[in-house]
C-alpha cells in the first residue's frame, strides 16, 4: 500500500519514468520532472510483450488546444503499429487519472483492447504547459519496468481444430475407407470466448501448474459412449444405441442419433409400422422388453449376393 504523500513525492522525481533515460525532445526542451506521478500498463495476450526484453516508453508529448497528450509506445511485436494515447484537460487537478486502451497509431479512435491498456496519473502541470506544440523524445524514455504487467503467454490466443472423418460401416459390398486414408477437416477463424466441452469418450483436464488444458480420451467418459452406426437404407445411415445406454432420447437435447427409424431400405409407411420377416440367411427376433428388434445374419454372403445357396 502506498504511503501518505506518495504522489507528492513522485512528482519531484523521475518516477514513473526511468531515472537516467534521456528526457530531451527533438524539437527542443526536455520533459520536466514535475507533471507525472504514477503509471500502470497491462500488455495484452496478443502484445507479445516479454518483461526484460521489451519496454514501454514515452514517444511524444503535445500541448495544444487546451489538451495535454502523452503518447506511449512499446517495442514488443504486437504493438508496432499501436500506442497508448492519454489526453488530459489543461485544467486537470493534481492526481487526475486517465485510462486508455491500445489504439492504432494511424487511426487513434480504433482501439485494440487485446493489445493492452494503461493508466496515467498527473502531477503539477505548470512546467508541462511551458512546452507548447508536439515534441518527440530524442531517445528511449522508458516506463519503470515494475509498472508493467504482461499477459503474453497466459492465454491461448488462437485455436486450431482438426476432426478426422469418423469411421462408418460400409454399405453392403463396399469396402470401408481405411482410417489412414481419411482426411482431416480443419476449422479455423474461431473468435471470442471459447469453451471446451467433453464429448463422447472425452476427458478435459486443467493442469494449473503447467497452464495447460489437456484433452484426453476415456471409454465412456464425458458424454458417454456414442451410438454405433448401421446402414438401414440405400442412400443414408441411421444409428443404433445397442450396448450404449447413454444414447437415449431427451426432449431438451433434441432427438439423438437413435431417436427414430424413419425408413428401411428406402421404404416408409403412413402409420410408421413395419412387419419384418427374416429372408434368406436372416433371423428376426422381437425383444419388446428392451424395445428392440434383432436381425441376425446367418450367412453374410447370401445377403450381399456374392454367391448362391439354398435355405434349409
C-alpha atoms as a PDB file:
ATOM      1  CA  UNK A   1       0.000   0.000   0.000  1.00  0.00           C
ATOM      2  CA  UNK A   2       1.316   3.445  -0.909  1.00  0.00           C
ATOM      3  CA  UNK A   3       2.403   5.730   1.937  1.00  0.00           C
ATOM      4  CA  UNK A   4       0.865   9.116   2.631  1.00  0.00           C
ATOM      5  CA  UNK A   5       2.308  11.719   0.299  1.00  0.00           C
ATOM      6  CA  UNK A   6       3.227   9.074  -2.283  1.00  0.00           C
ATOM      7  CA  UNK A   7       2.108  11.156  -5.265  1.00  0.00           C
ATOM      8  CA  UNK A   8       3.621  14.376  -3.906  1.00  0.00           C
ATOM      9  CA  UNK A   9       6.969  12.643  -3.562  1.00  0.00           C
ATOM     10  CA  UNK A  10       6.751  11.097  -7.033  1.00  0.00           C
ATOM     11  CA  UNK A  11       6.064  14.457  -8.621  1.00  0.00           C
ATOM     12  CA  UNK A  12       9.502  15.641  -7.597  1.00  0.00           C
ATOM     13  CA  UNK A  13      11.429  12.689  -9.088  1.00  0.00           C
ATOM     14  CA  UNK A  14      11.714  10.914 -12.456  1.00  0.00           C
ATOM     15  CA  UNK A  15       9.189   8.220 -11.472  1.00  0.00           C
ATOM     16  CA  UNK A  16       7.176   6.756 -13.188  1.00  0.00           C
ATOM     17  CA  UNK A  17       9.860   7.083 -15.894  1.00  0.00           C
ATOM     18  CA  UNK A  18      13.306   5.532 -15.547  1.00  0.00           C
ATOM     19  CA  UNK A  19      15.836   7.842 -13.932  1.00  0.00           C
ATOM     20  CA  UNK A  20      18.796   8.481 -16.228  1.00  0.00           C
ATOM     21  CA  UNK A  21      16.986   7.922 -19.532  1.00  0.00           C
ATOM     22  CA  UNK A  22      17.193  10.924 -21.927  1.00  0.00           C
ATOM     23  CA  UNK A  23      14.341  13.391 -21.360  1.00  0.00           C
ATOM     24  CA  UNK A  24      15.132  15.783 -24.206  1.00  0.00           C
ATOM     25  CA  UNK A  25      12.917  16.465 -27.217  1.00  0.00           C
ATOM     26  CA  UNK A  26      13.895  16.651 -30.879  1.00  0.00           C
ATOM     27  CA  UNK A  27      12.066  19.982 -31.169  1.00  0.00           C
ATOM     28  CA  UNK A  28      13.917  21.430 -28.186  1.00  0.00           C
ATOM     29  CA  UNK A  29      13.497  21.477 -24.426  1.00  0.00           C
ATOM     30  CA  UNK A  30      13.121  18.465 -22.183  1.00  0.00           C
ATOM     31  CA  UNK A  31      10.405  16.743 -20.216  1.00  0.00           C
ATOM     32  CA  UNK A  32      10.248  18.309 -16.738  1.00  0.00           C
ATOM     33  CA  UNK A  33      10.413  16.158 -13.651  1.00  0.00           C
ATOM     34  CA  UNK A  34       7.080  17.501 -12.419  1.00  0.00           C
ATOM     35  CA  UNK A  35       3.926  16.526 -14.242  1.00  0.00           C
ATOM     36  CA  UNK A  36       3.580  12.751 -13.859  1.00  0.00           C
ATOM     37  CA  UNK A  37       3.190  10.926 -10.560  1.00  0.00           C
ATOM     38  CA  UNK A  38       2.277   7.339 -11.437  1.00  0.00           C
ATOM     39  CA  UNK A  39       1.522   4.953 -14.308  1.00  0.00           C
ATOM     40  CA  UNK A  40       0.338   1.407 -14.919  1.00  0.00           C
ATOM     41  CA  UNK A  41       0.425  -0.653 -18.109  1.00  0.00           C
ATOM     42  CA  UNK A  42      -1.144  -4.037 -18.811  1.00  0.00           C
ATOM     43  CA  UNK A  43       0.119  -5.569 -22.064  1.00  0.00           C
ATOM     44  CA  UNK A  44      -2.391  -7.997 -23.510  1.00  0.00           C
ATOM     45  CA  UNK A  45      -2.077 -11.580 -24.644  1.00  0.00           C
ATOM     46  CA  UNK A  46      -1.621 -10.507 -28.272  1.00  0.00           C
ATOM     47  CA  UNK A  47       1.092  -7.952 -27.485  1.00  0.00           C
ATOM     48  CA  UNK A  48       3.987 -10.404 -27.368  1.00  0.00           C
ATOM     49  CA  UNK A  49       5.490  -8.328 -24.529  1.00  0.00           C
ATOM     50  CA  UNK A  50       8.297 -10.123 -22.673  1.00  0.00           C
ATOM     51  CA  UNK A  51       9.493  -8.477 -19.427  1.00  0.00           C
ATOM     52  CA  UNK A  52      13.204  -7.750 -19.509  1.00  0.00           C
ATOM     53  CA  UNK A  53      13.226  -7.793 -23.309  1.00  0.00           C
ATOM     54  CA  UNK A  54      10.674  -5.163 -24.254  1.00  0.00           C
ATOM     55  CA  UNK A  55       9.790  -1.770 -22.798  1.00  0.00           C
ATOM     56  CA  UNK A  56       7.032   0.827 -22.748  1.00  0.00           C
ATOM     57  CA  UNK A  57       8.409   4.312 -23.481  1.00  0.00           C
ATOM     58  CA  UNK A  58       7.191   7.864 -23.790  1.00  0.00           C
ATOM     59  CA  UNK A  59       7.342   8.589 -27.508  1.00  0.00           C
ATOM     60  CA  UNK A  60       5.955  12.119 -27.609  1.00  0.00           C
ATOM     61  CA  UNK A  61       4.226  14.883 -25.652  1.00  0.00           C
ATOM     62  CA  UNK A  62       1.995  17.622 -27.016  1.00  0.00           C
ATOM     63  CA  UNK A  63       0.159  20.622 -25.612  1.00  0.00           C
ATOM     64  CA  UNK A  64      -2.345  22.360 -27.866  1.00  0.00           C
ATOM     65  CA  UNK A  65      -5.991  23.472 -27.880  1.00  0.00           C
ATOM     66  CA  UNK A  66      -6.143  23.146 -24.108  1.00  0.00           C
ATOM     67  CA  UNK A  67      -5.155  19.469 -24.140  1.00  0.00           C
ATOM     68  CA  UNK A  68      -2.043  17.697 -22.862  1.00  0.00           C
ATOM     69  CA  UNK A  69      -1.348  14.423 -24.672  1.00  0.00           C
ATOM     70  CA  UNK A  70       1.117  11.688 -23.746  1.00  0.00           C
ATOM     71  CA  UNK A  71       1.946   9.154 -26.453  1.00  0.00           C
ATOM     72  CA  UNK A  72       3.423   5.912 -25.045  1.00  0.00           C
ATOM     73  CA  UNK A  73       4.621   3.079 -27.288  1.00  0.00           C
ATOM     74  CA  UNK A  74       6.270  -0.310 -26.951  1.00  0.00           C
ATOM     75  CA  UNK A  75       8.804  -2.264 -28.982  1.00  0.00           C
ATOM     76  CA  UNK A  76       7.011  -5.586 -28.473  1.00  0.00           C
ATOM     77  CA  UNK A  77       5.823  -7.388 -31.655  1.00  0.00           C
ATOM     78  CA  UNK A  78       2.108  -6.783 -31.129  1.00  0.00           C
ATOM     79  CA  UNK A  79       2.471  -3.023 -30.615  1.00  0.00           C
ATOM     80  CA  UNK A  80       4.480  -1.968 -33.685  1.00  0.00           C
ATOM     81  CA  UNK A  81       1.507  -0.040 -35.117  1.00  0.00           C
ATOM     82  CA  UNK A  82      -0.249   0.725 -31.831  1.00  0.00           C
ATOM     83  CA  UNK A  83       0.160   3.141 -28.938  1.00  0.00           C
ATOM     84  CA  UNK A  84      -1.316   4.282 -25.633  1.00  0.00           C
ATOM     85  CA  UNK A  85      -2.592   7.848 -26.037  1.00  0.00           C
ATOM     86  CA  UNK A  86      -3.521   9.653 -22.805  1.00  0.00           C
ATOM     87  CA  UNK A  87      -5.296  13.009 -23.108  1.00  0.00           C
ATOM     88  CA  UNK A  88      -5.788  15.458 -20.216  1.00  0.00           C
ATOM     89  CA  UNK A  89      -7.528  18.807 -19.990  1.00  0.00           C
ATOM     90  CA  UNK A  90      -5.097  21.600 -19.170  1.00  0.00           C
ATOM     91  CA  UNK A  91      -7.104  22.384 -16.035  1.00  0.00           C
ATOM     92  CA  UNK A  92      -6.929  18.816 -14.691  1.00  0.00           C
ATOM     93  CA  UNK A  93      -6.273  18.650 -10.967  1.00  0.00           C
ATOM     94  CA  UNK A  94      -3.275  17.056  -9.294  1.00  0.00           C
ATOM     95  CA  UNK A  95      -3.834  13.281  -9.076  1.00  0.00           C
ATOM     96  CA  UNK A  96      -6.191  13.080 -12.062  1.00  0.00           C
ATOM     97  CA  UNK A  97      -6.200   9.593 -13.585  1.00  0.00           C
ATOM     98  CA  UNK A  98      -6.799   8.868 -17.274  1.00  0.00           C
ATOM     99  CA  UNK A  99      -7.064   5.369 -18.683  1.00  0.00           C
ATOM    100  CA  UNK A 100      -6.503   4.381 -22.294  1.00  0.00           C
ATOM    101  CA  UNK A 101      -6.716   1.218 -24.354  1.00  0.00           C
ATOM    102  CA  UNK A 102      -4.138   0.486 -27.002  1.00  0.00           C
ATOM    103  CA  UNK A 103      -5.164   2.145 -30.251  1.00  0.00           C
ATOM    104  CA  UNK A 104      -3.917   2.235 -33.819  1.00  0.00           C
ATOM    105  CA  UNK A 105      -1.317   4.944 -34.495  1.00  0.00           C
ATOM    106  CA  UNK A 106      -2.884   5.860 -37.841  1.00  0.00           C
ATOM    107  CA  UNK A 107      -6.453   5.536 -36.507  1.00  0.00           C
ATOM    108  CA  UNK A 108      -6.493   6.813 -32.913  1.00  0.00           C
ATOM    109  CA  UNK A 109     -10.188   6.037 -32.468  1.00  0.00           C
ATOM    110  CA  UNK A 110      -9.724   2.391 -33.418  1.00  0.00           C
ATOM    111  CA  UNK A 111      -8.931   0.671 -30.132  1.00  0.00           C
ATOM    112  CA  UNK A 112      -7.410  -2.757 -29.618  1.00  0.00           C
ATOM    113  CA  UNK A 113      -8.091  -3.889 -26.070  1.00  0.00           C
ATOM    114  CA  UNK A 114      -6.461  -7.244 -26.710  1.00  0.00           C
ATOM    115  CA  UNK A 115      -3.121  -5.455 -27.149  1.00  0.00           C
ATOM    116  CA  UNK A 116      -3.335  -3.828 -23.733  1.00  0.00           C
ATOM    117  CA  UNK A 117      -4.444  -0.853 -21.637  1.00  0.00           C
ATOM    118  CA  UNK A 118      -2.852   1.637 -19.306  1.00  0.00           C
ATOM    119  CA  UNK A 119      -3.408   4.420 -16.771  1.00  0.00           C
ATOM    120  CA  UNK A 120      -1.524   7.659 -16.174  1.00  0.00           C
ATOM    121  CA  UNK A 121      -1.682   9.906 -13.078  1.00  0.00           C
ATOM    122  CA  UNK A 122      -0.958  13.634 -13.296  1.00  0.00           C
ATOM    123  CA  UNK A 123       1.091  15.811 -11.010  1.00  0.00           C
ATOM    124  CA  UNK A 124       1.665  19.576 -11.176  1.00  0.00           C
ATOM    125  CA  UNK A 125       1.170  20.713 -14.787  1.00  0.00           C
ATOM    126  CA  UNK A 126       2.827  24.131 -14.510  1.00  0.00           C
ATOM    127  CA  UNK A 127       6.093  23.090 -16.179  1.00  0.00           C
ATOM    128  CA  UNK A 128       4.438  20.959 -18.874  1.00  0.00           C
ATOM    129  CA  UNK A 129       2.301  23.898 -20.020  1.00  0.00           C
ATOM    130  CA  UNK A 130       5.511  25.724 -20.940  1.00  0.00           C
ATOM    131  CA  UNK A 131       6.101  23.224 -23.780  1.00  0.00           C
ATOM    132  CA  UNK A 132       3.556  24.076 -26.497  1.00  0.00           C
ATOM    133  CA  UNK A 133       3.205  22.055 -29.692  1.00  0.00           C
ATOM    134  CA  UNK A 134       4.226  18.463 -30.453  1.00  0.00           C
ATOM    135  CA  UNK A 135       7.541  17.232 -29.083  1.00  0.00           C
ATOM    136  CA  UNK A 136       9.174  13.865 -29.774  1.00  0.00           C
ATOM    137  CA  UNK A 137      11.682  12.303 -27.390  1.00  0.00           C
ATOM    138  CA  UNK A 138      15.266  12.118 -28.650  1.00  0.00           C
ATOM    139  CA  UNK A 139      15.945   8.706 -27.116  1.00  0.00           C
ATOM    140  CA  UNK A 140      14.268   5.870 -25.248  1.00  0.00           C
ATOM    141  CA  UNK A 141      12.496   7.291 -22.188  1.00  0.00           C
ATOM    142  CA  UNK A 142      11.208   4.146 -20.526  1.00  0.00           C
ATOM    143  CA  UNK A 143       8.449   3.498 -18.013  1.00  0.00           C
ATOM    144  CA  UNK A 144       9.665   1.792 -14.849  1.00  0.00           C
ATOM    145  CA  UNK A 145       9.557  -1.980 -15.562  1.00  0.00           C
ATOM    146  CA  UNK A 146       7.802  -2.646 -12.232  1.00  0.00           C
ATOM    147  CA  UNK A 147       4.791  -0.708 -13.529  1.00  0.00           C
ATOM    148  CA  UNK A 148       4.260  -3.045 -16.474  1.00  0.00           C
ATOM    149  CA  UNK A 149       2.387  -6.341 -16.379  1.00  0.00           C
ATOM    150  CA  UNK A 150       2.230  -8.648 -19.385  1.00  0.00           C
ATOM    151  CA  UNK A 151      -0.473 -11.171 -20.179  1.00  0.00           C
ATOM    152  CA  UNK A 152       1.588 -12.641 -23.013  1.00  0.00           C
ATOM    153  CA  UNK A 153       1.746 -16.421 -22.725  1.00  0.00           C
ATOM    154  CA  UNK A 154      -1.008 -16.590 -20.098  1.00  0.00           C
ATOM    155  CA  UNK A 155      -3.868 -17.220 -22.525  1.00  0.00           C
ATOM    156  CA  UNK A 156      -4.464 -19.168 -25.686  1.00  0.00           C
ATOM    157  CA  UNK A 157      -4.900 -16.595 -28.441  1.00  0.00           C
ATOM    158  CA  UNK A 158      -5.867 -18.973 -31.231  1.00  0.00           C
ATOM    159  CA  UNK A 159      -7.343 -22.454 -31.533  1.00  0.00           C
ATOM    160  CA  UNK A 160      -6.842 -24.783 -34.492  1.00  0.00           C
ATOM    161  CA  UNK A 161      -9.168 -27.763 -34.587  1.00  0.00           C
ATOM    162  CA  UNK A 162      -8.919 -30.856 -36.748  1.00  0.00           C
ATOM    163  CA  UNK A 163     -11.552 -33.540 -36.981  1.00  0.00           C
ATOM    164  CA  UNK A 164     -10.721 -36.875 -38.561  1.00  0.00           C
ATOM    165  CA  UNK A 165     -13.535 -38.424 -40.552  1.00  0.00           C
ATOM    166  CA  UNK A 166     -15.377 -40.843 -38.299  1.00  0.00           C
ATOM    167  CA  UNK A 167     -15.229 -44.498 -39.376  1.00  0.00           C
ATOM    168  CA  UNK A 168     -18.670 -45.692 -40.507  1.00  0.00           C
ATOM    169  CA  UNK A 169     -19.934 -49.094 -41.588  1.00  0.00           C
ATOM    170  CA  UNK A 170     -19.799 -49.643 -45.318  1.00  0.00           C
ATOM    171  CA  UNK A 171     -22.881 -50.422 -47.362  1.00  0.00           C
ATOM    172  CA  UNK A 172     -23.228 -53.972 -48.489  1.00  0.00           C
ATOM    173  CA  UNK A 173     -20.429 -54.796 -50.925  1.00  0.00           C
ATOM    174  CA  UNK A 174     -18.479 -51.567 -50.271  1.00  0.00           C
ATOM    175  CA  UNK A 175     -15.011 -51.564 -48.816  1.00  0.00           C
ATOM    176  CA  UNK A 176     -14.622 -49.374 -45.703  1.00  0.00           C
ATOM    177  CA  UNK A 177     -12.166 -46.478 -46.077  1.00  0.00           C
ATOM    178  CA  UNK A 178      -9.049 -47.218 -44.012  1.00  0.00           C
ATOM    179  CA  UNK A 179      -8.505 -44.790 -41.138  1.00  0.00           C
ATOM    180  CA  UNK A 180      -5.048 -43.996 -42.534  1.00  0.00           C
ATOM    181  CA  UNK A 181      -6.656 -42.647 -45.707  1.00  0.00           C
ATOM    182  CA  UNK A 182      -9.209 -40.390 -44.070  1.00  0.00           C
ATOM    183  CA  UNK A 183      -8.696 -36.687 -44.380  1.00  0.00           C
ATOM    184  CA  UNK A 184      -8.812 -34.070 -41.647  1.00  0.00           C
ATOM    185  CA  UNK A 185     -11.265 -31.189 -41.879  1.00  0.00           C
ATOM    186  CA  UNK A 186      -9.761 -28.071 -40.265  1.00  0.00           C
ATOM    187  CA  UNK A 187     -11.905 -25.467 -38.568  1.00  0.00           C
ATOM    188  CA  UNK A 188     -10.292 -22.033 -38.365  1.00  0.00           C
ATOM    189  CA  UNK A 189     -11.234 -18.461 -37.516  1.00  0.00           C
ATOM    190  CA  UNK A 190     -12.607 -19.173 -34.039  1.00  0.00           C
ATOM    191  CA  UNK A 191     -13.053 -15.924 -32.116  1.00  0.00           C
ATOM    192  CA  UNK A 192     -14.482 -14.758 -28.811  1.00  0.00           C
ATOM    193  CA  UNK A 193     -14.603 -16.673 -25.539  1.00  0.00           C
ATOM    194  CA  UNK A 194     -14.068 -20.348 -26.345  1.00  0.00           C
ATOM    195  CA  UNK A 195     -15.334 -23.133 -24.122  1.00  0.00           C
ATOM    196  CA  UNK A 196     -14.322 -26.780 -24.306  1.00  0.00           C
ATOM    197  CA  UNK A 197     -16.968 -29.392 -23.574  1.00  0.00           C
ATOM    198  CA  UNK A 198     -16.390 -33.090 -23.119  1.00  0.00           C
ATOM    199  CA  UNK A 199     -17.880 -35.065 -25.963  1.00  0.00           C
ATOM    200  CA  UNK A 200     -18.201 -38.817 -26.322  1.00  0.00           C
ATOM    201  CA  UNK A 201     -15.368 -40.757 -24.677  1.00  0.00           C
ATOM    202  CA  UNK A 202     -13.562 -37.461 -23.986  1.00  0.00           C
ATOM    203  CA  UNK A 203     -11.865 -36.110 -20.877  1.00  0.00           C
ATOM    204  CA  UNK A 204     -10.866 -32.473 -20.337  1.00  0.00           C
ATOM    205  CA  UNK A 205      -8.448 -31.616 -17.553  1.00  0.00           C
ATOM    206  CA  UNK A 206      -6.792 -28.398 -16.410  1.00  0.00           C
ATOM    207  CA  UNK A 207      -3.144 -28.561 -15.308  1.00  0.00           C
ATOM    208  CA  UNK A 208      -2.812 -25.334 -13.339  1.00  0.00           C
ATOM    209  CA  UNK A 209       0.915 -25.597 -12.691  1.00  0.00           C
ATOM    210  CA  UNK A 210       1.676 -26.061 -16.386  1.00  0.00           C
ATOM    211  CA  UNK A 211      -1.023 -23.583 -17.506  1.00  0.00           C
ATOM    212  CA  UNK A 212      -2.325 -26.307 -19.773  1.00  0.00           C
ATOM    213  CA  UNK A 213      -5.682 -27.662 -20.859  1.00  0.00           C
ATOM    214  CA  UNK A 214      -5.337 -31.389 -21.501  1.00  0.00           C
ATOM    215  CA  UNK A 215      -7.687 -33.102 -23.938  1.00  0.00           C
ATOM    216  CA  UNK A 216      -7.718 -36.855 -23.431  1.00  0.00           C
ATOM    217  CA  UNK A 217      -9.829 -39.923 -24.132  1.00  0.00           C
ATOM    218  CA  UNK A 218     -11.551 -42.394 -21.855  1.00  0.00           C
ATOM    219  CA  UNK A 219     -14.063 -45.111 -22.630  1.00  0.00           C
ATOM    220  CA  UNK A 220     -17.483 -43.950 -21.503  1.00  0.00           C
ATOM    221  CA  UNK A 221     -16.149 -40.604 -20.260  1.00  0.00           C
ATOM    222  CA  UNK A 222     -17.623 -37.183 -20.926  1.00  0.00           C
ATOM    223  CA  UNK A 223     -20.920 -37.574 -22.781  1.00  0.00           C
ATOM    224  CA  UNK A 224     -20.550 -41.345 -22.603  1.00  0.00           C
ATOM    225  CA  UNK A 225     -20.126 -43.750 -25.489  1.00  0.00           C
ATOM    226  CA  UNK A 226     -21.510 -42.699 -28.876  1.00  0.00           C
ATOM    227  CA  UNK A 227     -24.138 -44.646 -30.743  1.00  0.00           C
ATOM    228  CA  UNK A 228     -22.985 -47.255 -33.243  1.00  0.00           C
ATOM    229  CA  UNK A 229     -23.859 -46.529 -36.881  1.00  0.00           C
ATOM    230  CA  UNK A 230     -25.575 -49.149 -39.030  1.00  0.00           C
ATOM    231  CA  UNK A 231     -26.737 -48.929 -42.639  1.00  0.00           C
ATOM    232  CA  UNK A 232     -30.537 -49.010 -42.833  1.00  0.00           C
ATOM    233  CA  UNK A 233     -31.363 -47.730 -46.312  1.00  0.00           C
ATOM    234  CA  UNK A 234     -29.855 -47.256 -49.727  1.00  0.00           C
ATOM    235  CA  UNK A 235     -28.672 -43.648 -49.525  1.00  0.00           C
ATOM    236  CA  UNK A 236     -28.071 -42.856 -45.874  1.00  0.00           C
ATOM    237  CA  UNK A 237     -27.389 -44.290 -42.471  1.00  0.00           C
ATOM    238  CA  UNK A 238     -29.017 -44.142 -39.094  1.00  0.00           C
ATOM    239  CA  UNK A 239     -27.792 -45.356 -35.742  1.00  0.00           C
ATOM    240  CA  UNK A 240     -28.387 -47.864 -33.023  1.00  0.00           C
ATOM    241  CA  UNK A 241     -27.590 -47.495 -29.333  1.00  0.00           C
ATOM    242  CA  UNK A 242     -27.054 -51.193 -28.773  1.00  0.00           C
ATOM    243  CA  UNK A 243     -24.801 -51.514 -25.752  1.00  0.00           C
ATOM    244  CA  UNK A 244     -24.778 -47.728 -25.180  1.00  0.00           C
ATOM    245  CA  UNK A 245     -27.323 -46.667 -22.540  1.00  0.00           C
ATOM    246  CA  UNK A 246     -26.236 -43.033 -22.800  1.00  0.00           C
ATOM    247  CA  UNK A 247     -27.784 -42.700 -26.293  1.00  0.00           C
ATOM    248  CA  UNK A 248     -31.316 -42.100 -25.062  1.00  0.00           C
ATOM    249  CA  UNK A 249     -33.774 -39.501 -26.248  1.00  0.00           C
ATOM    250  CA  UNK A 250     -34.122 -36.326 -24.185  1.00  0.00           C
ATOM    251  CA  UNK A 251     -36.529 -33.515 -25.030  1.00  0.00           C
ATOM    252  CA  UNK A 252     -34.114 -30.720 -24.094  1.00  0.00           C
ATOM    253  CA  UNK A 253     -31.355 -32.032 -26.312  1.00  0.00           C
ATOM    254  CA  UNK A 254     -33.462 -32.857 -29.336  1.00  0.00           C
ATOM    255  CA  UNK A 255     -33.588 -36.293 -30.938  1.00  0.00           C
ATOM    256  CA  UNK A 256     -30.444 -38.335 -30.535  1.00  0.00           C
ATOM    257  CA  UNK A 257     -28.961 -40.327 -33.394  1.00  0.00           C
ATOM    258  CA  UNK A 258     -31.115 -43.342 -32.499  1.00  0.00           C
ATOM    259  CA  UNK A 259     -34.305 -41.456 -31.706  1.00  0.00           C
ATOM    260  CA  UNK A 260     -36.310 -42.792 -34.622  1.00  0.00           C
ATOM    261  CA  UNK A 261     -36.122 -45.194 -37.533  1.00  0.00           C
ATOM    262  CA  UNK A 262     -37.815 -43.374 -40.403  1.00  0.00           C
ATOM    263  CA  UNK A 263     -37.157 -45.738 -43.265  1.00  0.00           C
ATOM    264  CA  UNK A 264     -35.824 -49.176 -44.023  1.00  0.00           C
ATOM    265  CA  UNK A 265     -34.156 -49.749 -47.371  1.00  0.00           C
ATOM    266  CA  UNK A 266     -35.806 -46.550 -48.554  1.00  0.00           C
ATOM    267  CA  UNK A 267     -39.341 -47.785 -47.678  1.00  0.00           C
ATOM    268  CA  UNK A 268     -41.759 -45.862 -45.470  1.00  0.00           C
ATOM    269  CA  UNK A 269     -45.330 -46.425 -44.253  1.00  0.00           C
ATOM    270  CA  UNK A 270     -48.136 -43.993 -43.492  1.00  0.00           C
ATOM    271  CA  UNK A 271     -48.621 -45.169 -39.915  1.00  0.00           C
ATOM    272  CA  UNK A 272     -44.934 -45.800 -39.241  1.00  0.00           C
ATOM    273  CA  UNK A 273     -45.446 -49.524 -38.652  1.00  0.00           C
ATOM    274  CA  UNK A 274     -43.409 -52.251 -40.310  1.00  0.00           C
ATOM    275  CA  UNK A 275     -43.794 -56.016 -40.411  1.00  0.00           C
ATOM    276  CA  UNK A 276     -40.322 -57.524 -40.599  1.00  0.00           C
ATOM    277  CA  UNK A 277     -39.774 -61.070 -41.770  1.00  0.00           C
ATOM    278  CA  UNK A 278     -36.479 -62.866 -41.988  1.00  0.00           C
ATOM    279  CA  UNK A 279     -35.418 -63.579 -45.544  1.00  0.00           C
ATOM    280  CA  UNK A 280     -32.688 -65.805 -46.831  1.00  0.00           C
ATOM    281  CA  UNK A 281     -29.979 -66.136 -44.190  1.00  0.00           C
ATOM    282  CA  UNK A 282     -31.711 -63.736 -41.773  1.00  0.00           C
ATOM    283  CA  UNK A 283     -33.420 -64.410 -38.450  1.00  0.00           C
ATOM    284  CA  UNK A 284     -35.635 -61.704 -36.915  1.00  0.00           C
ATOM    285  CA  UNK A 285     -36.248 -61.779 -33.151  1.00  0.00           C
ATOM    286  CA  UNK A 286     -38.504 -59.500 -31.138  1.00  0.00           C
ATOM    287  CA  UNK A 287     -37.290 -58.097 -27.833  1.00  0.00           C
ATOM    288  CA  UNK A 288     -40.254 -55.981 -26.643  1.00  0.00           C
ATOM    289  CA  UNK A 289     -38.972 -55.580 -23.087  1.00  0.00           C
ATOM    290  CA  UNK A 290     -35.976 -53.630 -24.420  1.00  0.00           C
ATOM    291  CA  UNK A 291     -37.866 -52.096 -27.350  1.00  0.00           C
ATOM    292  CA  UNK A 292     -35.663 -53.854 -29.868  1.00  0.00           C
ATOM    293  CA  UNK A 293     -35.887 -55.969 -32.959  1.00  0.00           C
ATOM    294  CA  UNK A 294     -32.787 -58.058 -33.529  1.00  0.00           C
ATOM    295  CA  UNK A 295     -31.936 -59.158 -37.056  1.00  0.00           C
ATOM    296  CA  UNK A 296     -29.177 -61.759 -37.209  1.00  0.00           C
ATOM    297  CA  UNK A 297     -27.453 -62.804 -40.402  1.00  0.00           C
ATOM    298  CA  UNK A 298     -26.660 -66.495 -40.667  1.00  0.00           C
ATOM    299  CA  UNK A 299     -24.646 -66.134 -43.849  1.00  0.00           C
ATOM    300  CA  UNK A 300     -23.374 -62.697 -44.913  1.00  0.00           C
ATOM    301  CA  UNK A 301     -22.698 -63.882 -48.481  1.00  0.00           C
ATOM    302  CA  UNK A 302     -26.332 -64.661 -49.013  1.00  0.00           C
ATOM    303  CA  UNK A 303     -27.390 -61.103 -48.042  1.00  0.00           C
ATOM    304  CA  UNK A 304     -24.713 -59.351 -50.092  1.00  0.00           C
ATOM    305  CA  UNK A 305     -25.370 -61.558 -53.129  1.00  0.00           C
ATOM    306  CA  UNK A 306     -21.809 -62.802 -53.535  1.00  0.00           C
ATOM    307  CA  UNK A 307     -22.932 -66.357 -54.015  1.00  0.00           C
ATOM    308  CA  UNK A 308     -25.995 -68.553 -54.152  1.00  0.00           C
ATOM    309  CA  UNK A 309     -27.188 -71.093 -51.669  1.00  0.00           C
ATOM    310  CA  UNK A 310     -30.418 -72.663 -50.669  1.00  0.00           C
ATOM    311  CA  UNK A 311     -32.128 -72.256 -47.317  1.00  0.00           C
ATOM    312  CA  UNK A 312     -32.609 -75.240 -45.173  1.00  0.00           C
END
